[in-house]
PDB file of N, CA and C in Angstrom:
ATOM      1  N   UNK A   1      -3.059  18.558  29.223  1.00  0.00           N
ATOM      2  CA  UNK A   1      -4.473  18.509  28.940  1.00  0.00           C
ATOM      3  C   UNK A   1      -4.752  17.258  28.105  1.00  0.00           C
ATOM      4  N   UNK A   2      -5.691  16.435  28.515  1.00  0.00           N
ATOM      5  CA  UNK A   2      -5.982  15.209  27.760  1.00  0.00           C
ATOM      6  C   UNK A   2      -6.616  15.522  26.404  1.00  0.00           C
ATOM      7  N   UNK A   3      -6.398  14.593  25.478  1.00  0.00           N
ATOM      8  CA  UNK A   3      -6.996  14.737  24.145  1.00  0.00           C
ATOM      9  C   UNK A   3      -8.505  14.619  24.260  1.00  0.00           C
ATOM     10  N   UNK A   4      -9.226  15.329  23.409  1.00  0.00           N
ATOM     11  CA  UNK A   4     -10.686  15.221  23.466  1.00  0.00           C
ATOM     12  C   UNK A   4     -11.133  13.814  23.124  1.00  0.00           C
ATOM     13  N   UNK A   5     -12.175  13.394  23.756  1.00  0.00           N
ATOM     14  CA  UNK A   5     -12.739  12.069  23.518  1.00  0.00           C
ATOM     15  C   UNK A   5     -13.984  12.230  22.656  1.00  0.00           C
ATOM     16  N   UNK A   6     -14.037  11.430  21.612  1.00  0.00           N
ATOM     17  CA  UNK A   6     -15.201  11.487  20.734  1.00  0.00           C
ATOM     18  C   UNK A   6     -15.992  10.206  20.901  1.00  0.00           C
ATOM     19  N   UNK A   7     -17.135  10.338  21.520  1.00  0.00           N
ATOM     20  CA  UNK A   7     -18.022   9.191  21.615  1.00  0.00           C
ATOM     21  C   UNK A   7     -19.322   9.580  20.948  1.00  0.00           C
ATOM     22  N   UNK A   8     -20.018   8.593  20.533  1.00  0.00           N
ATOM     23  CA  UNK A   8     -21.262   8.884  19.843  1.00  0.00           C
ATOM     24  C   UNK A   8     -21.046   8.890  18.345  1.00  0.00           C
ATOM     25  N   UNK A   9     -22.053   9.322  17.614  1.00  0.00           N
ATOM     26  CA  UNK A   9     -21.983   9.261  16.151  1.00  0.00           C
ATOM     27  C   UNK A   9     -20.958  10.248  15.587  1.00  0.00           C
ATOM     28  N   UNK A  10     -20.378   9.862  14.470  1.00  0.00           N
ATOM     29  CA  UNK A  10     -19.427  10.708  13.765  1.00  0.00           C
ATOM     30  C   UNK A  10     -20.210  11.832  13.090  1.00  0.00           C
ATOM     31  N   UNK A  11     -19.693  13.051  13.111  1.00  0.00           N
ATOM     32  CA  UNK A  11     -20.373  14.133  12.395  1.00  0.00           C
ATOM     33  C   UNK A  11     -20.552  13.767  10.919  1.00  0.00           C
ATOM     34  N   UNK A  12     -21.690  14.125  10.378  1.00  0.00           N
ATOM     35  CA  UNK A  12     -22.047  13.727   9.010  1.00  0.00           C
ATOM     36  C   UNK A  12     -21.009  14.167   7.988  1.00  0.00           C
ATOM     37  N   UNK A  13     -20.467  15.358   8.133  1.00  0.00           N
ATOM     38  CA  UNK A  13     -19.482  15.857   7.176  1.00  0.00           C
ATOM     39  C   UNK A  13     -18.209  15.004   7.205  1.00  0.00           C
ATOM     40  N   UNK A  14     -17.775  14.621   8.387  1.00  0.00           N
ATOM     41  CA  UNK A  14     -16.593  13.769   8.510  1.00  0.00           C
ATOM     42  C   UNK A  14     -16.870  12.373   7.956  1.00  0.00           C
ATOM     43  N   UNK A  15     -18.035  11.839   8.250  1.00  0.00           N
ATOM     44  CA  UNK A  15     -18.400  10.516   7.731  1.00  0.00           C
ATOM     45  C   UNK A  15     -18.417  10.527   6.206  1.00  0.00           C
ATOM     46  N   UNK A  16     -18.943  11.580   5.609  1.00  0.00           N
ATOM     47  CA  UNK A  16     -18.974  11.693   4.147  1.00  0.00           C
ATOM     48  C   UNK A  16     -17.562  11.804   3.587  1.00  0.00           C
ATOM     49  N   UNK A  17     -16.722  12.587   4.215  1.00  0.00           N
ATOM     50  CA  UNK A  17     -15.343  12.750   3.744  1.00  0.00           C
ATOM     51  C   UNK A  17     -14.599  11.418   3.797  1.00  0.00           C
ATOM     52  N   UNK A  18     -14.789  10.658   4.873  1.00  0.00           N
ATOM     53  CA  UNK A  18     -14.144   9.344   4.977  1.00  0.00           C
ATOM     54  C   UNK A  18     -14.701   8.374   3.940  1.00  0.00           C
ATOM     55  N   UNK A  19     -15.996   8.409   3.727  1.00  0.00           N
ATOM     56  CA  UNK A  19     -16.607   7.529   2.711  1.00  0.00           C
ATOM     57  C   UNK A  19     -16.080   7.879   1.321  1.00  0.00           C
ATOM     58  N   UNK A  20     -15.946   9.163   1.040  1.00  0.00           N
ATOM     59  CA  UNK A  20     -15.400   9.589  -0.255  1.00  0.00           C
ATOM     60  C   UNK A  20     -13.950   9.152  -0.402  1.00  0.00           C
ATOM     61  N   UNK A  21     -13.161   9.309   0.649  1.00  0.00           N
ATOM     62  CA  UNK A  21     -11.750   8.901   0.607  1.00  0.00           C
ATOM     63  C   UNK A  21     -11.635   7.393   0.400  1.00  0.00           C
ATOM     64  N   UNK A  22     -12.487   6.639   1.062  1.00  0.00           N
ATOM     65  CA  UNK A  22     -12.478   5.181   0.905  1.00  0.00           C
ATOM     66  C   UNK A  22     -12.824   4.792  -0.536  1.00  0.00           C
ATOM     67  N   UNK A  23     -13.818   5.452  -1.092  1.00  0.00           N
ATOM     68  CA  UNK A  23     -14.237   5.150  -2.460  1.00  0.00           C
ATOM     69  C   UNK A  23     -13.119   5.473  -3.458  1.00  0.00           C
ATOM     70  N   UNK A  24     -12.472   6.617  -3.292  1.00  0.00           N
ATOM     71  CA  UNK A  24     -11.347   6.983  -4.162  1.00  0.00           C
ATOM     72  C   UNK A  24     -10.201   5.989  -4.021  1.00  0.00           C
ATOM     73  N   UNK A  25      -9.912   5.593  -2.790  1.00  0.00           N
ATOM     74  CA  UNK A  25      -8.837   4.641  -2.517  1.00  0.00           C
ATOM     75  C   UNK A  25      -9.126   3.306  -3.208  1.00  0.00           C
ATOM     76  N   UNK A  26     -10.326   2.780  -3.029  1.00  0.00           N
ATOM     77  CA  UNK A  26     -10.645   1.472  -3.612  1.00  0.00           C
ATOM     78  C   UNK A  26     -10.699   1.532  -5.132  1.00  0.00           C
ATOM     79  N   UNK A  27     -11.101   2.662  -5.691  1.00  0.00           N
ATOM     80  CA  UNK A  27     -11.157   2.802  -7.148  1.00  0.00           C
ATOM     81  C   UNK A  27      -9.755   2.733  -7.766  1.00  0.00           C
ATOM     82  N   UNK A  28      -8.752   3.181  -7.036  1.00  0.00           N
ATOM     83  CA  UNK A  28      -7.369   3.172  -7.546  1.00  0.00           C
ATOM     84  C   UNK A  28      -6.674   1.823  -7.366  1.00  0.00           C
ATOM     85  N   UNK A  29      -7.248   0.925  -6.607  1.00  0.00           N
ATOM     86  CA  UNK A  29      -6.553  -0.322  -6.287  1.00  0.00           C
ATOM     87  C   UNK A  29      -6.289  -1.215  -7.490  1.00  0.00           C
ATOM     88  N   UNK A  30      -7.255  -1.392  -8.373  1.00  0.00           N
ATOM     89  CA  UNK A  30      -7.054  -2.301  -9.520  1.00  0.00           C
ATOM     90  C   UNK A  30      -5.921  -1.801 -10.417  1.00  0.00           C
ATOM     91  N   UNK A  31      -5.897  -0.512 -10.807  1.00  0.00           N
ATOM     92  CA  UNK A  31      -4.748  -0.059 -11.600  1.00  0.00           C
ATOM     93  C   UNK A  31      -3.417  -0.211 -10.847  1.00  0.00           C
ATOM     94  N   UNK A  32      -3.445  -0.026  -9.539  1.00  0.00           N
ATOM     95  CA  UNK A  32      -2.223  -0.197  -8.758  1.00  0.00           C
ATOM     96  C   UNK A  32      -1.780  -1.656  -8.738  1.00  0.00           C
ATOM     97  N   UNK A  33      -2.725  -2.581  -8.663  1.00  0.00           N
ATOM     98  CA  UNK A  33      -2.387  -4.010  -8.706  1.00  0.00           C
ATOM     99  C   UNK A  33      -1.702  -4.332 -10.032  1.00  0.00           C
ATOM    100  N   UNK A  34      -2.259  -3.835 -11.119  1.00  0.00           N
ATOM    101  CA  UNK A  34      -1.671  -4.072 -12.446  1.00  0.00           C
ATOM    102  C   UNK A  34      -0.247  -3.521 -12.488  1.00  0.00           C
ATOM    103  N   UNK A  35      -0.057  -2.325 -11.961  1.00  0.00           N
ATOM    104  CA  UNK A  35       1.277  -1.711 -11.947  1.00  0.00           C
ATOM    105  C   UNK A  35       2.244  -2.502 -11.058  1.00  0.00           C
ATOM    106  N   UNK A  36       1.784  -2.944  -9.903  1.00  0.00           N
ATOM    107  CA  UNK A  36       2.642  -3.731  -9.010  1.00  0.00           C
ATOM    108  C   UNK A  36       3.043  -5.043  -9.678  1.00  0.00           C
ATOM    109  N   UNK A  37       2.113  -5.682 -10.368  1.00  0.00           N
ATOM    110  CA  UNK A  37       2.452  -6.924 -11.081  1.00  0.00           C
ATOM    111  C   UNK A  37       3.522  -6.661 -12.140  1.00  0.00           C
ATOM    112  N   UNK A  38       3.381  -5.558 -12.875  1.00  0.00           N
ATOM    113  CA  UNK A  38       4.369  -5.207 -13.898  1.00  0.00           C
ATOM    114  C   UNK A  38       5.739  -4.953 -13.257  1.00  0.00           C
ATOM    115  N   UNK A  39       5.743  -4.219 -12.157  1.00  0.00           N
ATOM    116  CA  UNK A  39       6.992  -3.901 -11.475  1.00  0.00           C
ATOM    117  C   UNK A  39       7.613  -5.143 -10.829  1.00  0.00           C
ATOM    118  N   UNK A  40       6.774  -6.037 -10.338  1.00  0.00           N
ATOM    119  CA  UNK A  40       7.273  -7.285  -9.748  1.00  0.00           C
ATOM    120  C   UNK A  40       8.040  -8.074 -10.809  1.00  0.00           C
ATOM    121  N   UNK A  41       7.519  -8.118 -12.021  1.00  0.00           N
ATOM    122  CA  UNK A  41       8.216  -8.813 -13.110  1.00  0.00           C
ATOM    123  C   UNK A  41       9.533  -8.110 -13.437  1.00  0.00           C
ATOM    124  N   UNK A  42       9.558  -6.781 -13.348  1.00  0.00           N
ATOM    125  CA  UNK A  42      10.769  -6.014 -13.649  1.00  0.00           C
ATOM    126  C   UNK A  42      11.870  -6.236 -12.614  1.00  0.00           C
ATOM    127  N   UNK A  43      11.514  -6.717 -11.437  1.00  0.00           N
ATOM    128  CA  UNK A  43      12.524  -6.978 -10.407  1.00  0.00           C
ATOM    129  C   UNK A  43      13.515  -8.050 -10.840  1.00  0.00           C
ATOM    130  N   UNK A  44      13.135  -8.876 -11.800  1.00  0.00           N
ATOM    131  CA  UNK A  44      14.016  -9.941 -12.293  1.00  0.00           C
ATOM    132  C   UNK A  44      15.034  -9.437 -13.314  1.00  0.00           C
ATOM    133  N   UNK A  45      14.876  -8.207 -13.773  1.00  0.00           N
ATOM    134  CA  UNK A  45      15.764  -7.642 -14.781  1.00  0.00           C
ATOM    135  C   UNK A  45      16.723  -6.667 -14.107  1.00  0.00           C
ATOM    136  N   UNK A  46      18.031  -7.008 -14.052  1.00  0.00           N
ATOM    137  CA  UNK A  46      18.985  -6.119 -13.379  1.00  0.00           C
ATOM    138  C   UNK A  46      18.959  -4.679 -13.907  1.00  0.00           C
ATOM    139  N   UNK A  47      18.672  -4.500 -15.182  1.00  0.00           N
ATOM    140  CA  UNK A  47      18.614  -3.166 -15.760  1.00  0.00           C
ATOM    141  C   UNK A  47      17.411  -2.352 -15.302  1.00  0.00           C
ATOM    142  N   UNK A  48      16.376  -3.024 -14.840  1.00  0.00           N
ATOM    143  CA  UNK A  48      15.156  -2.339 -14.396  1.00  0.00           C
ATOM    144  C   UNK A  48      14.985  -2.357 -12.880  1.00  0.00           C
ATOM    145  N   UNK A  49      15.871  -3.063 -12.178  1.00  0.00           N
ATOM    146  CA  UNK A  49      15.698  -3.314 -10.749  1.00  0.00           C
ATOM    147  C   UNK A  49      15.556  -2.026  -9.931  1.00  0.00           C
ATOM    148  N   UNK A  50      16.493  -1.111 -10.071  1.00  0.00           N
ATOM    149  CA  UNK A  50      16.467   0.110  -9.251  1.00  0.00           C
ATOM    150  C   UNK A  50      15.200   0.921  -9.508  1.00  0.00           C
ATOM    151  N   UNK A  51      14.827   1.072 -10.766  1.00  0.00           N
ATOM    152  CA  UNK A  51      13.615   1.821 -11.092  1.00  0.00           C
ATOM    153  C   UNK A  51      12.365   1.135 -10.579  1.00  0.00           C
ATOM    154  N   UNK A  52      12.333  -0.191 -10.676  1.00  0.00           N
ATOM    155  CA  UNK A  52      11.168  -0.942 -10.191  1.00  0.00           C
ATOM    156  C   UNK A  52      11.029  -0.813  -8.679  1.00  0.00           C
ATOM    157  N   UNK A  53      12.146  -0.897  -7.967  1.00  0.00           N
ATOM    158  CA  UNK A  53      12.098  -0.750  -6.508  1.00  0.00           C
ATOM    159  C   UNK A  53      11.600   0.638  -6.141  1.00  0.00           C
ATOM    160  N   UNK A  54      12.114   1.655  -6.825  1.00  0.00           N
ATOM    161  CA  UNK A  54      11.718   3.033  -6.539  1.00  0.00           C
ATOM    162  C   UNK A  54      10.225   3.253  -6.784  1.00  0.00           C
ATOM    163  N   UNK A  55       9.725   2.763  -7.894  1.00  0.00           N
ATOM    164  CA  UNK A  55       8.300   2.937  -8.219  1.00  0.00           C
ATOM    165  C   UNK A  55       7.417   2.133  -7.268  1.00  0.00           C
ATOM    166  N   UNK A  56       7.835   0.886  -6.963  1.00  0.00           N
ATOM    167  CA  UNK A  56       7.091   0.077  -5.992  1.00  0.00           C
ATOM    168  C   UNK A  56       7.023   0.790  -4.646  1.00  0.00           C
ATOM    169  N   UNK A  57       8.164   1.330  -4.220  1.00  0.00           N
ATOM    170  CA  UNK A  57       8.210   2.022  -2.929  1.00  0.00           C
ATOM    171  C   UNK A  57       7.229   3.189  -2.903  1.00  0.00           C
ATOM    172  N   UNK A  58       7.147   3.939  -3.990  1.00  0.00           N
ATOM    173  CA  UNK A  58       6.237   5.089  -4.039  1.00  0.00           C
ATOM    174  C   UNK A  58       4.778   4.644  -3.940  1.00  0.00           C
ATOM    175  N   UNK A  59       4.418   3.626  -4.690  1.00  0.00           N
ATOM    176  CA  UNK A  59       3.034   3.134  -4.677  1.00  0.00           C
ATOM    177  C   UNK A  59       2.674   2.585  -3.304  1.00  0.00           C
ATOM    178  N   UNK A  60       3.544   1.745  -2.774  1.00  0.00           N
ATOM    179  CA  UNK A  60       3.248   1.060  -1.515  1.00  0.00           C
ATOM    180  C   UNK A  60       3.275   2.020  -0.342  1.00  0.00           C
ATOM    181  N   UNK A  61       4.114   3.039  -0.402  1.00  0.00           N
ATOM    182  CA  UNK A  61       4.139   4.048   0.657  1.00  0.00           C
ATOM    183  C   UNK A  61       2.788   4.761   0.741  1.00  0.00           C
ATOM    184  N   UNK A  62       2.221   5.093  -0.394  1.00  0.00           N
ATOM    185  CA  UNK A  62       0.904   5.759  -0.408  1.00  0.00           C
ATOM    186  C   UNK A  62      -0.177   4.838   0.154  1.00  0.00           C
ATOM    187  N   UNK A  63      -0.147   3.589  -0.243  1.00  0.00           N
ATOM    188  CA  UNK A  63      -1.131   2.625   0.273  1.00  0.00           C
ATOM    189  C   UNK A  63      -0.993   2.507   1.782  1.00  0.00           C
ATOM    190  N   UNK A  64       0.252   2.410   2.234  1.00  0.00           N
ATOM    191  CA  UNK A  64       0.531   2.278   3.658  1.00  0.00           C
ATOM    192  C   UNK A  64      -0.033   3.456   4.449  1.00  0.00           C
ATOM    193  N   UNK A  65       0.073   4.636   3.880  1.00  0.00           N
ATOM    194  CA  UNK A  65      -0.367   5.823   4.585  1.00  0.00           C
ATOM    195  C   UNK A  65      -1.871   6.016   4.645  1.00  0.00           C
ATOM    196  N   UNK A  66      -2.612   5.366   3.755  1.00  0.00           N
ATOM    197  CA  UNK A  66      -4.049   5.633   3.655  1.00  0.00           C
ATOM    198  C   UNK A  66      -4.923   4.439   4.048  1.00  0.00           C
ATOM    199  N   UNK A  67      -4.474   3.235   3.790  1.00  0.00           N
ATOM    200  CA  UNK A  67      -5.330   2.044   3.909  1.00  0.00           C
ATOM    201  C   UNK A  67      -6.043   1.927   5.255  1.00  0.00           C
ATOM    202  N   UNK A  68      -5.302   2.014   6.334  1.00  0.00           N
ATOM    203  CA  UNK A  68      -5.934   1.839   7.650  1.00  0.00           C
ATOM    204  C   UNK A  68      -6.927   2.955   7.942  1.00  0.00           C
ATOM    205  N   UNK A  69      -6.604   4.168   7.515  1.00  0.00           N
ATOM    206  CA  UNK A  69      -7.482   5.315   7.765  1.00  0.00           C
ATOM    207  C   UNK A  69      -8.849   5.136   7.115  1.00  0.00           C
ATOM    208  N   UNK A  70      -8.861   4.494   5.936  1.00  0.00           N
ATOM    209  CA  UNK A  70     -10.131   4.325   5.230  1.00  0.00           C
ATOM    210  C   UNK A  70     -10.757   2.951   5.480  1.00  0.00           C
ATOM    211  N   UNK A  71     -10.263   2.238   6.487  1.00  0.00           N
ATOM    212  CA  UNK A  71     -10.937   1.020   6.915  1.00  0.00           C
ATOM    213  C   UNK A  71     -10.321  -0.297   6.490  1.00  0.00           C
ATOM    214  N   UNK A  72      -9.066  -0.295   6.069  1.00  0.00           N
ATOM    215  CA  UNK A  72      -8.403  -1.530   5.658  1.00  0.00           C
ATOM    216  C   UNK A  72      -7.121  -1.732   6.472  1.00  0.00           C
ATOM    217  N   UNK A  73      -7.251  -2.059   7.760  1.00  0.00           N
ATOM    218  CA  UNK A  73      -6.066  -2.159   8.617  1.00  0.00           C
ATOM    219  C   UNK A  73      -5.083  -3.257   8.207  1.00  0.00           C
ATOM    220  N   UNK A  74      -5.575  -4.402   7.747  1.00  0.00           N
ATOM    221  CA  UNK A  74      -4.665  -5.479   7.339  1.00  0.00           C
ATOM    222  C   UNK A  74      -3.862  -5.072   6.109  1.00  0.00           C
ATOM    223  N   UNK A  75      -4.518  -4.433   5.165  1.00  0.00           N
ATOM    224  CA  UNK A  75      -3.835  -3.934   3.973  1.00  0.00           C
ATOM    225  C   UNK A  75      -2.795  -2.888   4.375  1.00  0.00           C
ATOM    226  N   UNK A  76      -3.160  -2.005   5.282  1.00  0.00           N
ATOM    227  CA  UNK A  76      -2.225  -0.978   5.752  1.00  0.00           C
ATOM    228  C   UNK A  76      -1.010  -1.582   6.436  1.00  0.00           C
ATOM    229  N   UNK A  77      -1.217  -2.612   7.245  1.00  0.00           N
ATOM    230  CA  UNK A  77      -0.103  -3.257   7.946  1.00  0.00           C
ATOM    231  C   UNK A  77       0.822  -3.965   6.961  1.00  0.00           C
ATOM    232  N   UNK A  78       0.256  -4.659   5.982  1.00  0.00           N
ATOM    233  CA  UNK A  78       1.082  -5.346   4.982  1.00  0.00           C
ATOM    234  C   UNK A  78       1.864  -4.332   4.154  1.00  0.00           C
ATOM    235  N   UNK A  79       1.212  -3.251   3.765  1.00  0.00           N
ATOM    236  CA  UNK A  79       1.882  -2.210   2.991  1.00  0.00           C
ATOM    237  C   UNK A  79       2.996  -1.562   3.813  1.00  0.00           C
ATOM    238  N   UNK A  80       2.761  -1.351   5.101  1.00  0.00           N
ATOM    239  CA  UNK A  80       3.788  -0.745   5.959  1.00  0.00           C
ATOM    240  C   UNK A  80       5.017  -1.647   6.064  1.00  0.00           C
ATOM    241  N   UNK A  81       4.794  -2.957   6.194  1.00  0.00           N
ATOM    242  CA  UNK A  81       5.918  -3.896   6.266  1.00  0.00           C
ATOM    243  C   UNK A  81       6.713  -3.880   4.959  1.00  0.00           C
ATOM    244  N   UNK A  82       6.009  -3.867   3.852  1.00  0.00           N
ATOM    245  CA  UNK A  82       6.676  -3.802   2.547  1.00  0.00           C
ATOM    246  C   UNK A  82       7.382  -2.466   2.355  1.00  0.00           C
ATOM    247  N   UNK A  83       6.770  -1.409   2.808  1.00  0.00           N
ATOM    248  CA  UNK A  83       7.367  -0.084   2.697  1.00  0.00           C
ATOM    249  C   UNK A  83       8.726  -0.062   3.399  1.00  0.00           C
ATOM    250  N   UNK A  84       8.794  -0.615   4.587  1.00  0.00           N
ATOM    251  CA  UNK A  84      10.070  -0.676   5.312  1.00  0.00           C
ATOM    252  C   UNK A  84      11.117  -1.456   4.525  1.00  0.00           C
ATOM    253  N   UNK A  85      10.718  -2.585   4.005  1.00  0.00           N
ATOM    254  CA  UNK A  85      11.623  -3.427   3.216  1.00  0.00           C
ATOM    255  C   UNK A  85      12.143  -2.672   1.989  1.00  0.00           C
ATOM    256  N   UNK A  86      11.247  -2.004   1.288  1.00  0.00           N
ATOM    257  CA  UNK A  86      11.630  -1.282   0.073  1.00  0.00           C
ATOM    258  C   UNK A  86      12.479  -0.050   0.387  1.00  0.00           C
ATOM    259  N   UNK A  87      12.188   0.625   1.489  1.00  0.00           N
ATOM    260  CA  UNK A  87      13.006   1.779   1.875  1.00  0.00           C
ATOM    261  C   UNK A  87      14.443   1.345   2.158  1.00  0.00           C
ATOM    262  N   UNK A  88      14.601   0.181   2.782  1.00  0.00           N
ATOM    263  CA  UNK A  88      15.952  -0.360   3.004  1.00  0.00           C
ATOM    264  C   UNK A  88      16.654  -0.631   1.677  1.00  0.00           C
ATOM    265  N   UNK A  89      15.925  -1.219   0.740  1.00  0.00           N
ATOM    266  CA  UNK A  89      16.507  -1.508  -0.570  1.00  0.00           C
ATOM    267  C   UNK A  89      16.916  -0.229  -1.295  1.00  0.00           C
ATOM    268  N   UNK A  90      16.126   0.819  -1.154  1.00  0.00           N
ATOM    269  CA  UNK A  90      16.449   2.090  -1.810  1.00  0.00           C
ATOM    270  C   UNK A  90      17.761   2.683  -1.291  1.00  0.00           C
ATOM    271  N   UNK A  91      18.095   2.386  -0.042  1.00  0.00           N
ATOM    272  CA  UNK A  91      19.330   2.904   0.548  1.00  0.00           C
ATOM    273  C   UNK A  91      20.540   2.005   0.277  1.00  0.00           C
ATOM    274  N   UNK A  92      20.313   0.889  -0.397  1.00  0.00           N
ATOM    275  CA  UNK A  92      21.381  -0.061  -0.693  1.00  0.00           C
ATOM    276  C   UNK A  92      22.013   0.289  -2.037  1.00  0.00           C
ATOM    277  N   UNK A  93      23.355   0.425  -2.088  1.00  0.00           N
ATOM    278  CA  UNK A  93      24.001   0.815  -3.341  1.00  0.00           C
ATOM    279  C   UNK A  93      23.700  -0.124  -4.517  1.00  0.00           C
ATOM    280  N   UNK A  94      23.774  -1.418  -4.286  1.00  0.00           N
ATOM    281  CA  UNK A  94      23.445  -2.388  -5.352  1.00  0.00           C
ATOM    282  C   UNK A  94      22.428  -3.371  -4.787  1.00  0.00           C
ATOM    283  N   UNK A  95      21.152  -2.989  -4.848  1.00  0.00           N
ATOM    284  CA  UNK A  95      20.130  -3.825  -4.217  1.00  0.00           C
ATOM    285  C   UNK A  95      19.938  -5.155  -4.926  1.00  0.00           C
ATOM    286  N   UNK A  96      19.613  -6.144  -4.122  1.00  0.00           N
ATOM    287  CA  UNK A  96      19.185  -7.455  -4.636  1.00  0.00           C
ATOM    288  C   UNK A  96      17.837  -7.744  -3.998  1.00  0.00           C
ATOM    289  N   UNK A  97      16.993  -8.383  -4.755  1.00  0.00           N
ATOM    290  CA  UNK A  97      15.652  -8.687  -4.261  1.00  0.00           C
ATOM    291  C   UNK A  97      15.768  -9.725  -3.151  1.00  0.00           C
ATOM    292  N   UNK A  98      15.327  -9.374  -1.946  1.00  0.00           N
ATOM    293  CA  UNK A  98      15.435 -10.319  -0.840  1.00  0.00           C
ATOM    294  C   UNK A  98      14.442 -11.473  -0.961  1.00  0.00           C
ATOM    295  N   UNK A  99      14.839 -12.592  -0.394  1.00  0.00           N
ATOM    296  CA  UNK A  99      13.946 -13.740  -0.324  1.00  0.00           C
ATOM    297  C   UNK A  99      12.696 -13.318   0.440  1.00  0.00           C
ATOM    298  N   UNK A 100      11.574 -13.682  -0.059  1.00  0.00           N
ATOM    299  CA  UNK A 100      10.318 -13.372   0.622  1.00  0.00           C
ATOM    300  C   UNK A 100       9.622 -12.129   0.110  1.00  0.00           C
ATOM    301  N   UNK A 101      10.329 -11.280  -0.651  1.00  0.00           N
ATOM    302  CA  UNK A 101       9.685 -10.055  -1.143  1.00  0.00           C
ATOM    303  C   UNK A 101       8.517 -10.387  -2.069  1.00  0.00           C
ATOM    304  N   UNK A 102       8.702 -11.375  -2.922  1.00  0.00           N
ATOM    305  CA  UNK A 102       7.636 -11.764  -3.846  1.00  0.00           C
ATOM    306  C   UNK A 102       6.397 -12.223  -3.085  1.00  0.00           C
ATOM    307  N   UNK A 103       6.598 -13.011  -2.049  1.00  0.00           N
ATOM    308  CA  UNK A 103       5.463 -13.479  -1.242  1.00  0.00           C
ATOM    309  C   UNK A 103       4.763 -12.309  -0.547  1.00  0.00           C
ATOM    310  N   UNK A 104       5.542 -11.339  -0.086  1.00  0.00           N
ATOM    311  CA  UNK A 104       4.951 -10.164   0.552  1.00  0.00           C
ATOM    312  C   UNK A 104       4.129  -9.362  -0.460  1.00  0.00           C
ATOM    313  N   UNK A 105       4.653  -9.240  -1.676  1.00  0.00           N
ATOM    314  CA  UNK A 105       3.910  -8.527  -2.723  1.00  0.00           C
ATOM    315  C   UNK A 105       2.627  -9.264  -3.089  1.00  0.00           C
ATOM    316  N   UNK A 106       2.705 -10.593  -3.170  1.00  0.00           N
ATOM    317  CA  UNK A 106       1.503 -11.382  -3.490  1.00  0.00           C
ATOM    318  C   UNK A 106       0.443 -11.207  -2.409  1.00  0.00           C
ATOM    319  N   UNK A 107       0.861 -11.226  -1.148  1.00  0.00           N
ATOM    320  CA  UNK A 107      -0.082 -11.036  -0.035  1.00  0.00           C
ATOM    321  C   UNK A 107      -0.705  -9.640  -0.110  1.00  0.00           C
ATOM    322  N   UNK A 108       0.128  -8.641  -0.410  1.00  0.00           N
ATOM    323  CA  UNK A 108      -0.385  -7.281  -0.548  1.00  0.00           C
ATOM    324  C   UNK A 108      -1.438  -7.212  -1.649  1.00  0.00           C
ATOM    325  N   UNK A 109      -1.135  -7.805  -2.797  1.00  0.00           N
ATOM    326  CA  UNK A 109      -2.083  -7.749  -3.914  1.00  0.00           C
ATOM    327  C   UNK A 109      -3.372  -8.509  -3.594  1.00  0.00           C
ATOM    328  N   UNK A 110      -3.283  -9.598  -2.848  1.00  0.00           N
ATOM    329  CA  UNK A 110      -4.495 -10.302  -2.411  1.00  0.00           C
ATOM    330  C   UNK A 110      -5.363  -9.395  -1.551  1.00  0.00           C
ATOM    331  N   UNK A 111      -4.731  -8.693  -0.614  1.00  0.00           N
ATOM    332  CA  UNK A 111      -5.474  -7.776   0.256  1.00  0.00           C
ATOM    333  C   UNK A 111      -6.045  -6.603  -0.540  1.00  0.00           C
ATOM    334  N   UNK A 112      -5.295  -6.144  -1.530  1.00  0.00           N
ATOM    335  CA  UNK A 112      -5.788  -5.064  -2.385  1.00  0.00           C
ATOM    336  C   UNK A 112      -7.005  -5.528  -3.175  1.00  0.00           C
ATOM    337  N   UNK A 113      -6.953  -6.757  -3.715  1.00  0.00           N
ATOM    338  CA  UNK A 113      -8.108  -7.290  -4.445  1.00  0.00           C
ATOM    339  C   UNK A 113      -9.313  -7.409  -3.528  1.00  0.00           C
ATOM    340  N   UNK A 114      -9.091  -7.910  -2.317  1.00  0.00           N
ATOM    341  CA  UNK A 114     -10.191  -8.006  -1.359  1.00  0.00           C
ATOM    342  C   UNK A 114     -10.825  -6.646  -1.114  1.00  0.00           C
ATOM    343  N   UNK A 115      -9.996  -5.648  -0.923  1.00  0.00           N
ATOM    344  CA  UNK A 115     -10.511  -4.298  -0.654  1.00  0.00           C
ATOM    345  C   UNK A 115     -11.225  -3.731  -1.886  1.00  0.00           C
ATOM    346  N   UNK A 116     -10.672  -3.977  -3.048  1.00  0.00           N
ATOM    347  CA  UNK A 116     -11.252  -3.426  -4.275  1.00  0.00           C
ATOM    348  C   UNK A 116     -12.601  -4.038  -4.612  1.00  0.00           C
ATOM    349  N   UNK A 117     -12.737  -5.341  -4.375  1.00  0.00           N
ATOM    350  CA  UNK A 117     -13.943  -6.024  -4.822  1.00  0.00           C
ATOM    351  C   UNK A 117     -14.929  -6.347  -3.701  1.00  0.00           C
ATOM    352  N   UNK A 118     -14.449  -6.405  -2.478  1.00  0.00           N
ATOM    353  CA  UNK A 118     -15.335  -6.720  -1.351  1.00  0.00           C
ATOM    354  C   UNK A 118     -15.481  -5.568  -0.381  1.00  0.00           C
ATOM    355  N   UNK A 119     -14.616  -4.557  -0.542  1.00  0.00           N
ATOM    356  CA  UNK A 119     -14.529  -3.464   0.417  1.00  0.00           C
ATOM    357  C   UNK A 119     -15.617  -2.486   0.340  1.00  0.00           C
TER     358      UNK A 119
END
């Protein structure tokens, strides 16, 4: 049996729920950016590396799961790519920060700022 097709306007209750979810998501972005910046700095400290990777993975996994749903597909795609990278690091016995991770985090934070202030 084919999936139902929804054409036409979105039901008002669903539209409101999505608008509320988007607003909650964007409201959390600035504190998350601050936390990601703090954790990015901690990646340079071998004593904090594992904890920073774990916390980054948790934050970015949540962003990855919600961003596209609430209207930020580019942010969701960047978060998903980072999520994969961080999940690999979590499974590594003695992780080292891979080349390019910092650039990926910077791109993510740029997209988060765009969503927070222009979204």
